[in-house]
Amino acid sequence: MTHIVSLFAVYLMIFLFGMTVLRLGLNTASQHTFKRLLLRYTDKTWKGFLIGILITSVVQSSSTVMVILVGLVAAGLMTFRQSIGIILGTNIGTTITTEIITFDLQQIIVPFLILGAICIIVRKKTLFCVGCALFGLGCMFVSMNGFESLAQPVTSLHWVKEFLLMTNQHILYGIGLGTAMTALIQSSTATTAIIMSLMNENILSLPSGISILLGANIGTCITALIASIGTTREAKFVAMAHVWINLIGVCLFIPFLSLFSEIISILTHLPDVQIAHASVLFNVISSLLLLPFAGILSTFIAKFHGQRV
């Protein structure tokens, strides 16, 4: 058991390291552009929504964008109301990574790692950014292979098997598991990657995998909550808005989880791609549903939490 858990932890660290290197390259390439875009195109909610999608698609981390948002609002450079559209957009932009890691790129993992490492040590900004992106992706694909190789041994452990069986029978267990895992490892993408590996080995049912995915969307809010500690009241509102938006989205989908699973199964028969598509559709649908009510949502959050922060 210790051997299996140790290997799982190693593959998880490789995945998180790969994501960090990937983000480093993307951030370095456009770090000065992020704040300028956020500050310039947020006078309308729909503009903030589109900017949120764009920036998170580039950074590939909704948590990073949320930390930036909290900082901008805390500094008085942006209002809490302006942040709502951006938050809705970040939920969509972050789903691109999950689609990327479903590609079968076994043959180019080693070239990615070697070429990426060479570019990183070259003292030129453009090559450094490209190298980080290639090396980071290579690490992520390596860890995905590792997760899949460990899926059966991990689930052979009695307590793991029992818990996964409960998630197959009760979606609330899945949501709780996804929330706890993501809050612990600070990455909804890593949680999604683990779900994909279990799905590929036919260990999780599709509704169970989607329920864990829904929980991951709630768990990812912990980063913004931590970043808001010790900041202004409006900055705390930003973190709470992230929580409310994801909670509302999950609650809206729970009654239709079986129907949603059927729709996803029609789109593709590949288990990992099903989870990737589910992530995209969930975030797109829930964000678009909430977008027209951004003003009402911001007013509610300000009033509800106004006396509590």
C-alpha atoms as a PDB file:
ATOM      1  CA  MET A   1       0.000   0.000   0.000  1.00  0.00           C
ATOM      2  CA  THR A   2       2.810   2.421   0.908  1.00  0.00           C
ATOM      3  CA  HIS A   3       4.454   1.776  -2.461  1.00  0.00           C
ATOM      4  CA  ILE A   4       1.237   2.551  -4.344  1.00  0.00           C
ATOM      5  CA  VAL A   5       0.489   5.698  -2.364  1.00  0.00           C
ATOM      6  CA  SER A   6       4.070   6.915  -2.804  1.00  0.00           C
ATOM      7  CA  LEU A   7       3.934   6.450  -6.573  1.00  0.00           C
ATOM      8  CA  PHE A   8       0.560   8.188  -6.725  1.00  0.00           C
ATOM      9  CA  ALA A   9       2.020  11.152  -4.807  1.00  0.00           C
ATOM     10  CA  VAL A  10       5.012  11.268  -7.175  1.00  0.00           C
ATOM     11  CA  TYR A  11       2.806  11.317 -10.281  1.00  0.00           C
ATOM     12  CA  LEU A  12       0.620  13.995  -8.697  1.00  0.00           C
ATOM     13  CA  MET A  13       3.680  16.139  -7.984  1.00  0.00           C
ATOM     14  CA  ILE A  14       4.893  15.675 -11.575  1.00  0.00           C
ATOM     15  CA  PHE A  15       1.493  16.806 -12.853  1.00  0.00           C
ATOM     16  CA  LEU A  16       1.420  19.882 -10.582  1.00  0.00           C
ATOM     17  CA  PHE A  17       5.043  20.679 -11.467  1.00  0.00           C
ATOM     18  CA  GLY A  18       4.216  20.432 -15.164  1.00  0.00           C
ATOM     19  CA  MET A  19       1.253  22.773 -14.729  1.00  0.00           C
ATOM     20  CA  THR A  20       3.431  25.242 -12.811  1.00  0.00           C
ATOM     21  CA  VAL A  21       6.122  25.250 -15.510  1.00  0.00           C
ATOM     22  CA  LEU A  22       3.479  25.615 -18.231  1.00  0.00           C
ATOM     23  CA  ARG A  23       1.917  28.578 -16.432  1.00  0.00           C
ATOM     24  CA  LEU A  24       5.343  30.139 -15.844  1.00  0.00           C
ATOM     25  CA  GLY A  25       5.986  30.181 -19.567  1.00  0.00           C
ATOM     26  CA  LEU A  26       2.556  31.556 -20.397  1.00  0.00           C
ATOM     27  CA  ASN A  27       2.685  34.157 -17.626  1.00  0.00           C
ATOM     28  CA  THR A  28       6.144  35.328 -18.645  1.00  0.00           C
ATOM     29  CA  ALA A  29       4.996  35.733 -22.228  1.00  0.00           C
ATOM     30  CA  SER A  30       2.075  37.963 -21.348  1.00  0.00           C
ATOM     31  CA  GLN A  31       2.318  39.033 -17.715  1.00  0.00           C
ATOM     32  CA  HIS A  32       2.111  42.746 -18.511  1.00  0.00           C
ATOM     33  CA  THR A  33      -0.941  42.220 -20.694  1.00  0.00           C
ATOM     34  CA  PHE A  34      -3.141  40.552 -18.060  1.00  0.00           C
ATOM     35  CA  LYS A  35      -3.733  43.458 -15.716  1.00  0.00           C
ATOM     36  CA  ARG A  36      -4.031  45.930 -18.589  1.00  0.00           C
ATOM     37  CA  LEU A  37      -6.790  43.852 -20.170  1.00  0.00           C
ATOM     38  CA  LEU A  38      -8.549  43.343 -16.841  1.00  0.00           C
ATOM     39  CA  LEU A  39      -8.519  47.048 -16.054  1.00  0.00           C
ATOM     40  CA  ARG A  40      -9.382  48.294 -19.529  1.00  0.00           C
ATOM     41  CA  TYR A  41     -12.206  46.016 -20.656  1.00  0.00           C
ATOM     42  CA  THR A  42     -14.348  45.501 -17.582  1.00  0.00           C
ATOM     43  CA  ASP A  43     -16.774  48.417 -17.828  1.00  0.00           C
ATOM     44  CA  LYS A  44     -19.418  45.956 -19.054  1.00  0.00           C
ATOM     45  CA  THR A  45     -20.121  42.532 -17.560  1.00  0.00           C
ATOM     46  CA  TRP A  46     -20.062  40.795 -20.945  1.00  0.00           C
ATOM     47  CA  LYS A  47     -16.653  42.341 -21.704  1.00  0.00           C
ATOM     48  CA  GLY A  48     -15.291  41.055 -18.406  1.00  0.00           C
ATOM     49  CA  PHE A  49     -16.778  37.652 -19.237  1.00  0.00           C
ATOM     50  CA  LEU A  50     -14.908  37.469 -22.549  1.00  0.00           C
ATOM     51  CA  ILE A  51     -11.674  38.791 -21.011  1.00  0.00           C
ATOM     52  CA  GLY A  52     -11.971  36.180 -18.248  1.00  0.00           C
ATOM     53  CA  ILE A  53     -12.219  33.418 -20.855  1.00  0.00           C
ATOM     54  CA  LEU A  54      -9.295  34.830 -22.864  1.00  0.00           C
ATOM     55  CA  ILE A  55      -6.882  35.343 -19.986  1.00  0.00           C
ATOM     56  CA  THR A  56      -7.659  32.037 -18.273  1.00  0.00           C
ATOM     57  CA  SER A  57      -7.296  30.207 -21.598  1.00  0.00           C
ATOM     58  CA  VAL A  58      -3.777  31.632 -21.820  1.00  0.00           C
ATOM     59  CA  VAL A  59      -2.764  31.234 -18.166  1.00  0.00           C
ATOM     60  CA  GLN A  60      -4.607  27.904 -17.776  1.00  0.00           C
ATOM     61  CA  SER A  61      -5.334  28.577 -14.135  1.00  0.00           C
ATOM     62  CA  SER A  62      -8.564  30.044 -12.840  1.00  0.00           C
ATOM     63  CA  SER A  63      -6.923  30.233  -9.406  1.00  0.00           C
ATOM     64  CA  THR A  64      -4.168  32.499 -10.767  1.00  0.00           C
ATOM     65  CA  VAL A  65      -6.701  34.848 -12.342  1.00  0.00           C
ATOM     66  CA  MET A  66      -8.748  34.855  -9.129  1.00  0.00           C
ATOM     67  CA  VAL A  67      -5.682  35.817  -7.072  1.00  0.00           C
ATOM     68  CA  ILE A  68      -4.998  38.668  -9.519  1.00  0.00           C
ATOM     69  CA  LEU A  69      -8.630  39.768  -9.253  1.00  0.00           C
ATOM     70  CA  VAL A  70      -8.559  39.761  -5.465  1.00  0.00           C
ATOM     71  CA  GLY A  71      -5.387  41.864  -5.568  1.00  0.00           C
ATOM     72  CA  LEU A  72      -6.818  44.398  -8.026  1.00  0.00           C
ATOM     73  CA  VAL A  73     -10.022  44.824  -6.028  1.00  0.00           C
ATOM     74  CA  ALA A  74      -8.072  45.045  -2.762  1.00  0.00           C
ATOM     75  CA  ALA A  75      -5.942  47.806  -4.305  1.00  0.00           C
ATOM     76  CA  GLY A  76      -9.057  49.727  -5.357  1.00  0.00           C
ATOM     77  CA  LEU A  77      -8.208  49.442  -9.071  1.00  0.00           C
ATOM     78  CA  MET A  78     -11.369  47.473  -9.813  1.00  0.00           C
ATOM     79  CA  THR A  79     -14.774  47.195  -8.158  1.00  0.00           C
ATOM     80  CA  PHE A  80     -16.312  43.977  -6.915  1.00  0.00           C
ATOM     81  CA  ARG A  81     -19.194  44.313  -9.390  1.00  0.00           C
ATOM     82  CA  GLN A  82     -16.721  44.443 -12.298  1.00  0.00           C
ATOM     83  CA  SER A  83     -15.186  41.138 -11.210  1.00  0.00           C
ATOM     84  CA  ILE A  84     -18.357  39.045 -11.583  1.00  0.00           C
ATOM     85  CA  GLY A  85     -18.172  38.753 -15.367  1.00  0.00           C
ATOM     86  CA  ILE A  86     -14.479  37.855 -15.201  1.00  0.00           C
ATOM     87  CA  ILE A  87     -15.127  35.102 -12.644  1.00  0.00           C
ATOM     88  CA  LEU A  88     -17.779  33.579 -14.912  1.00  0.00           C
ATOM     89  CA  GLY A  89     -15.310  33.683 -17.799  1.00  0.00           C
ATOM     90  CA  THR A  90     -12.479  32.050 -15.850  1.00  0.00           C
ATOM     91  CA  ASN A  91     -14.599  28.957 -15.237  1.00  0.00           C
ATOM     92  CA  ILE A  92     -14.798  28.407 -19.001  1.00  0.00           C
ATOM     93  CA  GLY A  93     -11.201  29.303 -19.874  1.00  0.00           C
ATOM     94  CA  THR A  94      -9.690  26.798 -17.472  1.00  0.00           C
ATOM     95  CA  THR A  95     -11.383  23.834 -19.205  1.00  0.00           C
ATOM     96  CA  ILE A  96      -9.028  23.947 -22.199  1.00  0.00           C
ATOM     97  CA  THR A  97      -6.294  22.034 -20.352  1.00  0.00           C
ATOM     98  CA  THR A  98      -8.611  19.091 -19.746  1.00  0.00           C
ATOM     99  CA  GLU A  99      -9.325  18.892 -23.470  1.00  0.00           C
ATOM    100  CA  ILE A 100      -5.595  19.048 -24.305  1.00  0.00           C
ATOM    101  CA  ILE A 101      -4.601  16.173 -22.013  1.00  0.00           C
ATOM    102  CA  THR A 102      -7.105  13.848 -23.710  1.00  0.00           C
ATOM    103  CA  PHE A 103      -5.012  13.870 -26.904  1.00  0.00           C
ATOM    104  CA  ASP A 104      -2.967  10.749 -27.617  1.00  0.00           C
ATOM    105  CA  LEU A 105       0.522  12.236 -27.809  1.00  0.00           C
ATOM    106  CA  GLN A 106       2.592   9.291 -26.571  1.00  0.00           C
ATOM    107  CA  GLN A 107       5.126   9.575 -29.389  1.00  0.00           C
ATOM    108  CA  ILE A 108       6.040  13.191 -28.738  1.00  0.00           C
ATOM    109  CA  ILE A 109       6.301  13.223 -24.934  1.00  0.00           C
ATOM    110  CA  VAL A 110      10.079  12.672 -24.941  1.00  0.00           C
ATOM    111  CA  PRO A 111      10.689  15.243 -27.742  1.00  0.00           C
ATOM    112  CA  PHE A 112       8.543  17.729 -25.778  1.00  0.00           C
ATOM    113  CA  LEU A 113      10.659  17.192 -22.656  1.00  0.00           C
ATOM    114  CA  ILE A 114      14.021  17.360 -24.448  1.00  0.00           C
ATOM    115  CA  LEU A 115      13.181  20.323 -26.677  1.00  0.00           C
ATOM    116  CA  GLY A 116      11.501  22.098 -23.777  1.00  0.00           C
ATOM    117  CA  ALA A 117      14.542  21.650 -21.519  1.00  0.00           C
ATOM    118  CA  ILE A 118      16.864  22.982 -24.246  1.00  0.00           C
ATOM    119  CA  CYS A 119      14.692  26.051 -24.851  1.00  0.00           C
ATOM    120  CA  ILE A 120      14.446  26.776 -21.113  1.00  0.00           C
ATOM    121  CA  ILE A 121      18.222  27.081 -20.684  1.00  0.00           C
ATOM    122  CA  VAL A 122      18.517  29.438 -23.692  1.00  0.00           C
ATOM    123  CA  ARG A 123      18.683  33.036 -22.515  1.00  0.00           C
ATOM    124  CA  LYS A 124      15.970  34.372 -24.743  1.00  0.00           C
ATOM    125  CA  LYS A 125      12.495  35.218 -23.484  1.00  0.00           C
ATOM    126  CA  THR A 126      10.535  33.776 -26.408  1.00  0.00           C
ATOM    127  CA  LEU A 127      12.399  30.468 -26.381  1.00  0.00           C
ATOM    128  CA  PHE A 128      12.154  30.286 -22.597  1.00  0.00           C
ATOM    129  CA  CYS A 129       8.364  30.663 -22.765  1.00  0.00           C
ATOM    130  CA  VAL A 130       8.074  28.041 -25.520  1.00  0.00           C
ATOM    131  CA  GLY A 131      10.360  25.709 -23.585  1.00  0.00           C
ATOM    132  CA  CYS A 132       8.294  26.038 -20.418  1.00  0.00           C
ATOM    133  CA  ALA A 133       5.103  25.271 -22.346  1.00  0.00           C
ATOM    134  CA  LEU A 134       6.593  22.178 -24.030  1.00  0.00           C
ATOM    135  CA  PHE A 135       8.313  20.846 -20.911  1.00  0.00           C
ATOM    136  CA  GLY A 136       5.222  21.477 -18.772  1.00  0.00           C
ATOM    137  CA  LEU A 137       2.952  19.642 -21.203  1.00  0.00           C
ATOM    138  CA  GLY A 138       5.452  16.767 -21.379  1.00  0.00           C
ATOM    139  CA  CYS A 139       5.389  16.406 -17.592  1.00  0.00           C
ATOM    140  CA  MET A 140       1.597  16.451 -17.555  1.00  0.00           C
ATOM    141  CA  PHE A 141       1.384  13.677 -20.151  1.00  0.00           C
ATOM    142  CA  VAL A 142       3.949  11.607 -18.217  1.00  0.00           C
ATOM    143  CA  SER A 143       1.865  11.910 -15.043  1.00  0.00           C
ATOM    144  CA  MET A 144      -1.328  10.995 -16.925  1.00  0.00           C
ATOM    145  CA  ASN A 145       0.343   7.745 -18.002  1.00  0.00           C
ATOM    146  CA  GLY A 146       1.351   7.186 -14.401  1.00  0.00           C
ATOM    147  CA  PHE A 147      -2.162   7.770 -13.086  1.00  0.00           C
ATOM    148  CA  GLU A 148      -3.551   5.245 -15.544  1.00  0.00           C
ATOM    149  CA  SER A 149      -0.942   2.621 -14.595  1.00  0.00           C
ATOM    150  CA  LEU A 150      -1.844   3.069 -10.907  1.00  0.00           C
ATOM    151  CA  ALA A 151      -5.615   3.175 -11.355  1.00  0.00           C
ATOM    152  CA  GLN A 152      -6.113  -0.568 -10.889  1.00  0.00           C
ATOM    153  CA  PRO A 153      -3.631  -1.036  -7.986  1.00  0.00           C
ATOM    154  CA  VAL A 154      -5.033   1.967  -6.106  1.00  0.00           C
ATOM    155  CA  THR A 155      -8.622   0.850  -6.506  1.00  0.00           C
ATOM    156  CA  SER A 156      -7.706  -2.670  -5.421  1.00  0.00           C
ATOM    157  CA  LEU A 157      -7.243  -1.275  -1.912  1.00  0.00           C
ATOM    158  CA  HIS A 158     -10.374  -2.191   0.033  1.00  0.00           C
ATOM    159  CA  TRP A 159     -11.155   1.233   1.518  1.00  0.00           C
ATOM    160  CA  VAL A 160     -10.602   2.990  -1.817  1.00  0.00           C
ATOM    161  CA  LYS A 161     -12.819   0.495  -3.620  1.00  0.00           C
ATOM    162  CA  GLU A 162     -15.580   0.891  -1.040  1.00  0.00           C
ATOM    163  CA  PHE A 163     -15.505   4.673  -1.258  1.00  0.00           C
ATOM    164  CA  LEU A 164     -15.560   4.684  -5.063  1.00  0.00           C
ATOM    165  CA  LEU A 165     -18.513   2.303  -4.984  1.00  0.00           C
ATOM    166  CA  MET A 166     -20.318   4.825  -2.782  1.00  0.00           C
ATOM    167  CA  THR A 167     -19.645   7.597  -5.305  1.00  0.00           C
ATOM    168  CA  ASN A 168     -21.143   5.385  -8.014  1.00  0.00           C
ATOM    169  CA  GLN A 169     -24.292   4.980  -5.918  1.00  0.00           C
ATOM    170  CA  HIS A 170     -24.622   8.446  -4.360  1.00  0.00           C
ATOM    171  CA  ILE A 171     -23.610  11.560  -6.313  1.00  0.00           C
ATOM    172  CA  LEU A 172     -23.249  13.645  -3.138  1.00  0.00           C
ATOM    173  CA  TYR A 173     -20.316  11.441  -2.117  1.00  0.00           C
ATOM    174  CA  GLY A 174     -18.728  12.176  -5.480  1.00  0.00           C
ATOM    175  CA  ILE A 175     -19.262  15.906  -5.095  1.00  0.00           C
ATOM    176  CA  GLY A 176     -17.779  15.776  -1.599  1.00  0.00           C
ATOM    177  CA  LEU A 177     -14.780  13.765  -2.822  1.00  0.00           C
ATOM    178  CA  GLY A 178     -14.122  16.183  -5.693  1.00  0.00           C
ATOM    179  CA  THR A 179     -14.384  19.172  -3.365  1.00  0.00           C
ATOM    180  CA  ALA A 180     -12.017  17.680  -0.776  1.00  0.00           C
ATOM    181  CA  MET A 181      -9.438  16.492  -3.332  1.00  0.00           C
ATOM    182  CA  THR A 182      -9.290  19.837  -5.106  1.00  0.00           C
ATOM    183  CA  ALA A 183      -9.137  21.834  -1.893  1.00  0.00           C
ATOM    184  CA  LEU A 184      -6.250  19.622  -0.775  1.00  0.00           C
ATOM    185  CA  ILE A 185      -4.133  19.598  -3.951  1.00  0.00           C
ATOM    186  CA  GLN A 186      -5.172  23.112  -5.071  1.00  0.00           C
ATOM    187  CA  SER A 187      -5.853  22.111  -8.666  1.00  0.00           C
ATOM    188  CA  SER A 188      -9.183  21.198 -10.247  1.00  0.00           C
ATOM    189  CA  THR A 189      -7.284  20.204 -13.405  1.00  0.00           C
ATOM    190  CA  ALA A 190      -5.254  17.619 -11.473  1.00  0.00           C
ATOM    191  CA  THR A 191      -8.446  16.243  -9.934  1.00  0.00           C
ATOM    192  CA  THR A 192      -9.977  16.018 -13.404  1.00  0.00           C
ATOM    193  CA  ALA A 193      -6.886  14.192 -14.682  1.00  0.00           C
ATOM    194  CA  ILE A 194      -7.256  11.603 -11.914  1.00  0.00           C
ATOM    195  CA  ILE A 195     -10.954  11.160 -12.791  1.00  0.00           C
ATOM    196  CA  MET A 196      -9.997  10.616 -16.434  1.00  0.00           C
ATOM    197  CA  SER A 197      -7.553   7.876 -15.470  1.00  0.00           C
ATOM    198  CA  LEU A 198     -10.182   6.080 -13.369  1.00  0.00           C
ATOM    199  CA  MET A 199     -12.710   6.441 -16.175  1.00  0.00           C
ATOM    200  CA  ASN A 200     -10.298   4.949 -18.704  1.00  0.00           C
ATOM    201  CA  GLU A 201      -9.990   1.870 -16.492  1.00  0.00           C
ATOM    202  CA  ASN A 202     -13.813   1.605 -16.178  1.00  0.00           C
ATOM    203  CA  ILE A 203     -13.585   2.057 -12.416  1.00  0.00           C
ATOM    204  CA  LEU A 204     -15.990   5.005 -12.239  1.00  0.00           C
ATOM    205  CA  SER A 205     -19.346   5.334 -13.926  1.00  0.00           C
ATOM    206  CA  LEU A 206     -19.909   8.462 -16.008  1.00  0.00           C
ATOM    207  CA  PRO A 207     -22.396  10.049 -13.532  1.00  0.00           C
ATOM    208  CA  SER A 208     -19.933   9.364 -10.706  1.00  0.00           C
ATOM    209  CA  GLY A 209     -17.052  10.911 -12.653  1.00  0.00           C
ATOM    210  CA  ILE A 210     -19.135  13.975 -13.447  1.00  0.00           C
ATOM    211  CA  SER A 211     -20.211  14.336  -9.803  1.00  0.00           C
ATOM    212  CA  ILE A 212     -16.544  14.372  -8.704  1.00  0.00           C
ATOM    213  CA  LEU A 213     -15.906  16.921 -11.458  1.00  0.00           C
ATOM    214  CA  LEU A 214     -18.702  19.121 -10.076  1.00  0.00           C
ATOM    215  CA  GLY A 215     -17.122  18.901  -6.633  1.00  0.00           C
ATOM    216  CA  ALA A 216     -13.762  19.929  -8.104  1.00  0.00           C
ATOM    217  CA  ASN A 217     -15.353  23.177  -9.260  1.00  0.00           C
ATOM    218  CA  ILE A 218     -16.314  23.935  -5.665  1.00  0.00           C
ATOM    219  CA  GLY A 219     -12.961  22.874  -4.222  1.00  0.00           C
ATOM    220  CA  THR A 220     -11.002  25.195  -6.508  1.00  0.00           C
ATOM    221  CA  CYS A 221     -12.579  28.190  -4.720  1.00  0.00           C
ATOM    222  CA  ILE A 222     -10.312  27.649  -1.699  1.00  0.00           C
ATOM    223  CA  THR A 223      -7.405  29.466  -3.393  1.00  0.00           C
ATOM    224  CA  ALA A 224      -9.315  32.731  -3.765  1.00  0.00           C
ATOM    225  CA  LEU A 225     -10.597  32.442  -0.184  1.00  0.00           C
ATOM    226  CA  ILE A 226      -7.030  32.083   1.102  1.00  0.00           C
ATOM    227  CA  ALA A 227      -5.838  34.995  -1.062  1.00  0.00           C
ATOM    228  CA  SER A 228      -8.582  37.239   0.351  1.00  0.00           C
ATOM    229  CA  ILE A 229      -7.498  36.806   3.982  1.00  0.00           C
ATOM    230  CA  GLY A 230      -6.461  40.138   5.431  1.00  0.00           C
ATOM    231  CA  THR A 231      -7.671  42.159   2.421  1.00  0.00           C
ATOM    232  CA  THR A 232     -10.482  44.673   2.019  1.00  0.00           C
ATOM    233  CA  ARG A 233     -14.172  43.867   2.306  1.00  0.00           C
ATOM    234  CA  GLU A 234     -14.718  44.111  -1.468  1.00  0.00           C
ATOM    235  CA  ALA A 235     -11.796  41.761  -2.118  1.00  0.00           C
ATOM    236  CA  LYS A 236     -13.436  39.223   0.200  1.00  0.00           C
ATOM    237  CA  PHE A 237     -16.635  39.640  -1.803  1.00  0.00           C
ATOM    238  CA  VAL A 238     -14.706  38.526  -4.926  1.00  0.00           C
ATOM    239  CA  ALA A 239     -13.671  35.279  -3.222  1.00  0.00           C
ATOM    240  CA  MET A 240     -17.207  34.681  -1.962  1.00  0.00           C
ATOM    241  CA  ALA A 241     -18.602  35.346  -5.446  1.00  0.00           C
ATOM    242  CA  HIS A 242     -16.375  32.575  -6.791  1.00  0.00           C
ATOM    243  CA  VAL A 243     -17.818  30.209  -4.180  1.00  0.00           C
ATOM    244  CA  TRP A 244     -21.437  31.211  -4.848  1.00  0.00           C
ATOM    245  CA  ILE A 245     -21.091  30.992  -8.635  1.00  0.00           C
ATOM    246  CA  ASN A 246     -19.719  27.457  -8.473  1.00  0.00           C
ATOM    247  CA  LEU A 247     -22.176  26.329  -5.796  1.00  0.00           C
ATOM    248  CA  ILE A 248     -25.142  27.630  -7.783  1.00  0.00           C
ATOM    249  CA  GLY A 249     -23.840  25.981 -10.948  1.00  0.00           C
ATOM    250  CA  VAL A 250     -23.468  22.613  -9.207  1.00  0.00           C
ATOM    251  CA  CYS A 251     -26.914  22.855  -7.598  1.00  0.00           C
ATOM    252  CA  LEU A 252     -28.477  23.643 -10.970  1.00  0.00           C
ATOM    253  CA  PHE A 253     -26.918  20.538 -12.538  1.00  0.00           C
ATOM    254  CA  ILE A 254     -27.575  17.968  -9.785  1.00  0.00           C
ATOM    255  CA  PRO A 255     -31.246  17.339 -10.719  1.00  0.00           C
ATOM    256  CA  PHE A 256     -30.267  16.802 -14.360  1.00  0.00           C
ATOM    257  CA  LEU A 257     -27.112  14.739 -13.806  1.00  0.00           C
ATOM    258  CA  SER A 258     -28.522  11.573 -15.407  1.00  0.00           C
ATOM    259  CA  LEU A 259     -29.748  13.478 -18.468  1.00  0.00           C
ATOM    260  CA  PHE A 260     -26.448  15.356 -18.683  1.00  0.00           C
ATOM    261  CA  SER A 261     -24.541  12.057 -18.539  1.00  0.00           C
ATOM    262  CA  GLU A 262     -26.636  10.642 -21.376  1.00  0.00           C
ATOM    263  CA  ILE A 263     -25.950  13.687 -23.537  1.00  0.00           C
ATOM    264  CA  ILE A 264     -22.204  13.430 -22.858  1.00  0.00           C
ATOM    265  CA  SER A 265     -22.195   9.709 -23.700  1.00  0.00           C
ATOM    266  CA  ILE A 266     -23.766  10.524 -27.070  1.00  0.00           C
ATOM    267  CA  LEU A 267     -20.997  13.010 -27.906  1.00  0.00           C
ATOM    268  CA  THR A 268     -18.163  10.472 -27.510  1.00  0.00           C
ATOM    269  CA  HIS A 269     -17.569   6.917 -26.314  1.00  0.00           C
ATOM    270  CA  LEU A 270     -14.068   7.655 -24.949  1.00  0.00           C
ATOM    271  CA  PRO A 271     -14.252   7.896 -21.123  1.00  0.00           C
ATOM    272  CA  ASP A 272     -11.558  10.559 -20.638  1.00  0.00           C
ATOM    273  CA  VAL A 273     -12.947  12.701 -23.442  1.00  0.00           C
ATOM    274  CA  GLN A 274     -16.403  12.394 -21.889  1.00  0.00           C
ATOM    275  CA  ILE A 275     -15.101  13.986 -18.694  1.00  0.00           C
ATOM    276  CA  ALA A 276     -13.307  16.726 -20.641  1.00  0.00           C
ATOM    277  CA  HIS A 277     -16.476  17.529 -22.597  1.00  0.00           C
ATOM    278  CA  ALA A 278     -18.549  17.430 -19.401  1.00  0.00           C
ATOM    279  CA  SER A 279     -16.199  19.980 -17.820  1.00  0.00           C
ATOM    280  CA  VAL A 280     -16.529  22.327 -20.797  1.00  0.00           C
ATOM    281  CA  LEU A 281     -20.314  22.011 -21.109  1.00  0.00           C
ATOM    282  CA  PHE A 282     -20.937  22.373 -17.369  1.00  0.00           C
ATOM    283  CA  ASN A 283     -18.914  25.567 -17.115  1.00  0.00           C
ATOM    284  CA  VAL A 284     -20.221  27.067 -20.356  1.00  0.00           C
ATOM    285  CA  ILE A 285     -23.874  26.392 -19.537  1.00  0.00           C
ATOM    286  CA  SER A 286     -23.718  27.480 -15.888  1.00  0.00           C
ATOM    287  CA  SER A 287     -21.732  30.642 -16.712  1.00  0.00           C
ATOM    288  CA  LEU A 288     -24.081  31.654 -19.529  1.00  0.00           C
ATOM    289  CA  LEU A 289     -27.106  31.047 -17.289  1.00  0.00           C
ATOM    290  CA  LEU A 290     -25.682  33.257 -14.540  1.00  0.00           C
ATOM    291  CA  LEU A 291     -24.272  36.002 -16.796  1.00  0.00           C
ATOM    292  CA  PRO A 292     -27.582  37.919 -17.181  1.00  0.00           C
ATOM    293  CA  PHE A 293     -27.949  37.933 -13.389  1.00  0.00           C
ATOM    294  CA  ALA A 294     -24.444  39.224 -12.610  1.00  0.00           C
ATOM    295  CA  GLY A 295     -25.781  42.482 -11.168  1.00  0.00           C
ATOM    296  CA  ILE A 296     -28.324  40.718  -8.958  1.00  0.00           C
ATOM    297  CA  LEU A 297     -25.676  38.241  -7.817  1.00  0.00           C
ATOM    298  CA  SER A 298     -23.207  40.977  -6.857  1.00  0.00           C
ATOM    299  CA  THR A 299     -25.907  42.842  -4.912  1.00  0.00           C
ATOM    300  CA  PHE A 300     -26.941  39.659  -3.085  1.00  0.00           C
ATOM    301  CA  ILE A 301     -23.353  38.787  -2.134  1.00  0.00           C
ATOM    302  CA  ALA A 302     -22.630  42.343  -0.929  1.00  0.00           C
ATOM    303  CA  LYS A 303     -25.758  42.345   1.256  1.00  0.00           C
ATOM    304  CA  PHE A 304     -25.460  38.759   2.487  1.00  0.00           C
ATOM    305  CA  HIS A 305     -21.794  38.976   3.412  1.00  0.00           C
ATOM    306  CA  GLY A 306     -21.646  42.700   4.142  1.00  0.00           C
ATOM    307  CA  GLN A 307     -21.947  42.247   7.872  1.00  0.00           C
ATOM    308  CA  ARG A 308     -19.905  39.052   7.972  1.00  0.00           C
ATOM    309  CA  VAL A 309     -16.516  40.114   6.595  1.00  0.00           C
END
